[in-house]
Every structure is written in structure tokens, then in C-alpha cells.
Amino acid sequence: NEQSHAITDFIKMAKRDKKIKMRTNGEESRQLLYSGDAAECILTITKNYKELEKDKSMDISSGHWIKIKEVAEIIADQIEGVEIIPGHKIDQTQKNAMNGPNNEALKFWKPKTSLRDGIKLMIQNI
């Protein structure tokens, strides 16, 4: 199974080659979250654990869907002169399934970092 860390991979390609070569056509959608927000969410879950539904799995997510090609566009907007080259494959990992996560944590916590700002921070640190 081919794994991809799209945001990190895209930033590295953009900085190194001025090109983002996507493995897929980019039509697949994901819910993405900045790591600092994920850490705050885990802390919030710990503090509110007694009030959460424990018989279900819990996902930590922004609650907002975005296409991978839009992620590439955000990165290209922030690094001058970057070309986006979509692939021809359709995502085979999740087969474009948009399984809604259990966002029980959103009762107690909301992400503070927008995807655009999180990507900007990642660009500065990669």
C-alpha cells in the first residue's frame, strides 16, 4: 500500500523543484488538521473524558473537507513560481470514500489554525 503525506511531500517538492507532482488527479477529499490543534484537542479530550461517548471511536479532525488538489494550490500560492502537475490515477487508498469522522471532540474544542495558516507554518519549518 503506497502511503503519502501529501502536505509535507508537496511542500518539499515545491521548495526543491518548483513543481508539485501529484500521485493522483487530486479529486479525493480529506479532513486535515494542524498538529498544534490536534495536540490541544487531545488535552481537551482528556479533561472532558467523562462527558464523551466512550463506546464509539473518536476522530480528531477539522470537520472541513478539502480536495488534495486544493491543498496543492494553497502551497503553490505561498511559494513563488510553483507548477502543479496532477497525476492521472484515481486515489486507491480510500477510493474517494468520504467517511464522516466521529467529531465528538468538537463539542468541547474547535481548531484555531486555518489550513492556509498551518501550511504557511509548515513551509517555514520544512
Protein backbone atom coordinates (compact mmCIF):
# COMPACT_ATOMS: atom_id res chain seq x y z
CA ASN A 1 0.00 0.00 0.00
CA GLU A 2 1.53 3.28 -1.12
CA GLN A 3 1.50 5.90 1.63
CA SER A 4 1.64 9.61 1.06
CA HIS A 5 1.93 12.54 3.40
CA ALA A 6 0.53 14.98 0.87
CA ILE A 7 1.17 18.31 2.59
CA THR A 8 4.76 17.55 3.64
CA ASP A 9 5.55 15.89 0.31
CA PHE A 10 4.04 18.77 -1.67
CA ILE A 11 5.97 21.40 0.31
CA LYS A 12 9.26 19.56 -0.15
CA MET A 13 8.67 19.23 -3.92
CA ALA A 14 7.64 22.87 -4.24
CA LYS A 15 10.74 24.12 -2.42
CA ARG A 16 13.16 21.73 -4.11
CA ASP A 17 11.80 21.51 -7.68
CA LYS A 18 9.30 24.38 -8.01
CA LYS A 19 6.85 21.63 -9.03
CA ILE A 20 4.23 19.67 -7.17
CA LYS A 21 3.86 16.28 -8.87
CA MET A 22 0.67 14.76 -7.55
CA ARG A 23 0.29 10.96 -7.44
CA THR A 24 -3.43 11.22 -8.17
CA ASN A 25 -5.74 13.57 -10.02
CA GLY A 26 -6.29 15.38 -6.70
CA GLU A 27 -10.06 14.95 -6.64
CA GLU A 28 -10.02 12.96 -3.40
CA SER A 29 -11.11 14.89 -0.32
CA ARG A 30 -9.67 14.77 3.18
CA GLN A 31 -10.15 16.45 6.52
CA LEU A 32 -6.85 17.93 7.62
CA LEU A 33 -5.73 19.42 10.91
CA TYR A 34 -2.66 21.33 12.08
CA SER A 35 -0.61 19.31 14.59
CA GLY A 36 -0.77 22.00 17.30
CA ASP A 37 -4.56 21.95 17.12
CA ALA A 38 -4.52 18.13 17.31
CA ALA A 39 -2.41 18.31 20.48
CA GLU A 40 -4.81 20.82 22.07
CA CYS A 41 -7.71 18.57 21.13
CA ILE A 42 -6.12 15.58 22.86
CA LEU A 43 -5.65 17.67 26.00
CA THR A 44 -9.29 18.78 25.82
CA ILE A 45 -10.48 15.19 25.36
CA THR A 46 -8.50 14.19 28.44
CA LYS A 47 -10.06 16.97 30.53
CA ASN A 48 -13.62 16.16 29.33
CA TYR A 49 -13.34 12.39 29.05
CA LYS A 50 -16.18 11.61 31.46
CA GLU A 51 -18.63 13.55 29.29
CA LEU A 52 -17.73 11.87 25.97
CA GLU A 53 -19.37 8.85 24.33
CA LYS A 54 -16.92 6.08 25.10
CA ASP A 55 -18.49 3.27 23.07
CA LYS A 56 -17.51 4.93 19.77
CA SER A 57 -14.19 5.65 18.19
CA MET A 58 -13.25 9.30 18.21
CA ASP A 59 -11.56 11.12 15.37
CA ILE A 60 -9.63 14.34 15.69
CA SER A 61 -10.45 16.40 12.65
CA SER A 62 -11.17 19.91 11.47
CA GLY A 63 -14.64 18.92 10.27
CA HIS A 64 -13.96 20.53 6.87
CA TRP A 65 -13.43 18.60 3.65
CA ILE A 66 -10.86 19.79 1.10
CA LYS A 67 -9.66 18.26 -2.16
CA ILE A 68 -5.98 17.36 -2.36
CA LYS A 69 -5.61 19.49 -5.49
CA GLU A 70 -6.81 22.49 -3.43
CA VAL A 71 -4.08 21.73 -0.87
CA ALA A 72 -1.52 21.84 -3.71
CA GLU A 73 -2.97 25.19 -4.83
CA ILE A 74 -2.62 26.67 -1.32
CA ILE A 75 1.04 25.60 -1.25
CA ALA A 76 1.68 26.95 -4.76
CA ASP A 77 0.11 30.28 -3.72
CA GLN A 78 2.67 30.58 -0.91
CA ILE A 79 5.83 29.52 -2.78
CA GLU A 80 6.54 31.66 -5.81
CA GLY A 81 6.83 30.01 -9.23
CA VAL A 82 5.46 26.58 -8.35
CA GLU A 83 3.79 24.49 -11.06
CA ILE A 84 1.19 21.86 -10.11
CA ILE A 85 1.28 18.67 -12.16
CA PRO A 86 -1.76 16.45 -11.44
CA GLY A 87 -1.40 12.69 -11.77
CA HIS A 88 -3.74 10.53 -13.79
CA LYS A 89 -4.54 7.94 -11.14
CA ILE A 90 -7.64 8.00 -9.03
CA ASP A 91 -7.00 7.67 -5.29
CA GLN A 92 -6.88 3.96 -4.44
CA THR A 93 -6.25 4.27 -0.71
CA GLN A 94 -9.72 5.43 0.28
CA LYS A 95 -11.32 5.15 -3.17
CA ASN A 96 -12.70 8.67 -2.65
CA ALA A 97 -14.85 7.46 0.24
CA MET A 98 -15.80 10.39 2.41
CA ASN A 99 -16.42 8.57 5.65
CA GLY A 100 -17.54 11.20 8.09
CA PRO A 101 -15.42 11.06 11.24
CA ASN A 102 -16.92 10.98 14.71
CA ASN A 103 -16.25 14.57 15.72
CA GLU A 104 -17.44 14.17 19.31
CA ALA A 105 -14.48 16.30 20.39
CA LEU A 106 -15.95 19.30 18.55
CA LYS A 107 -18.44 19.61 21.44
CA PHE A 108 -15.56 20.85 23.61
CA TRP A 109 -12.91 22.07 21.20
CA LYS A 110 -12.53 23.94 17.91
CA PRO A 111 -9.42 24.18 15.71
CA LYS A 112 -7.68 27.57 15.91
CA THR A 113 -5.33 27.27 12.94
CA SER A 114 -6.73 27.57 9.42
CA LEU A 115 -5.39 25.16 6.83
CA ARG A 116 -3.76 28.07 4.97
CA ASP A 117 -2.02 29.30 8.16
CA GLY A 118 -0.97 25.76 9.12
CA ILE A 119 0.56 25.25 5.68
CA LYS A 120 2.36 28.59 5.98
CA LEU A 121 3.87 27.48 9.31
CA MET A 122 4.91 24.15 7.78
CA ILE A 123 6.56 25.89 4.81
CA GLN A 124 8.61 27.99 7.24
CA ASN A 125 9.72 24.90 9.19
CA ILE A 126 10.46 22.42 6.39
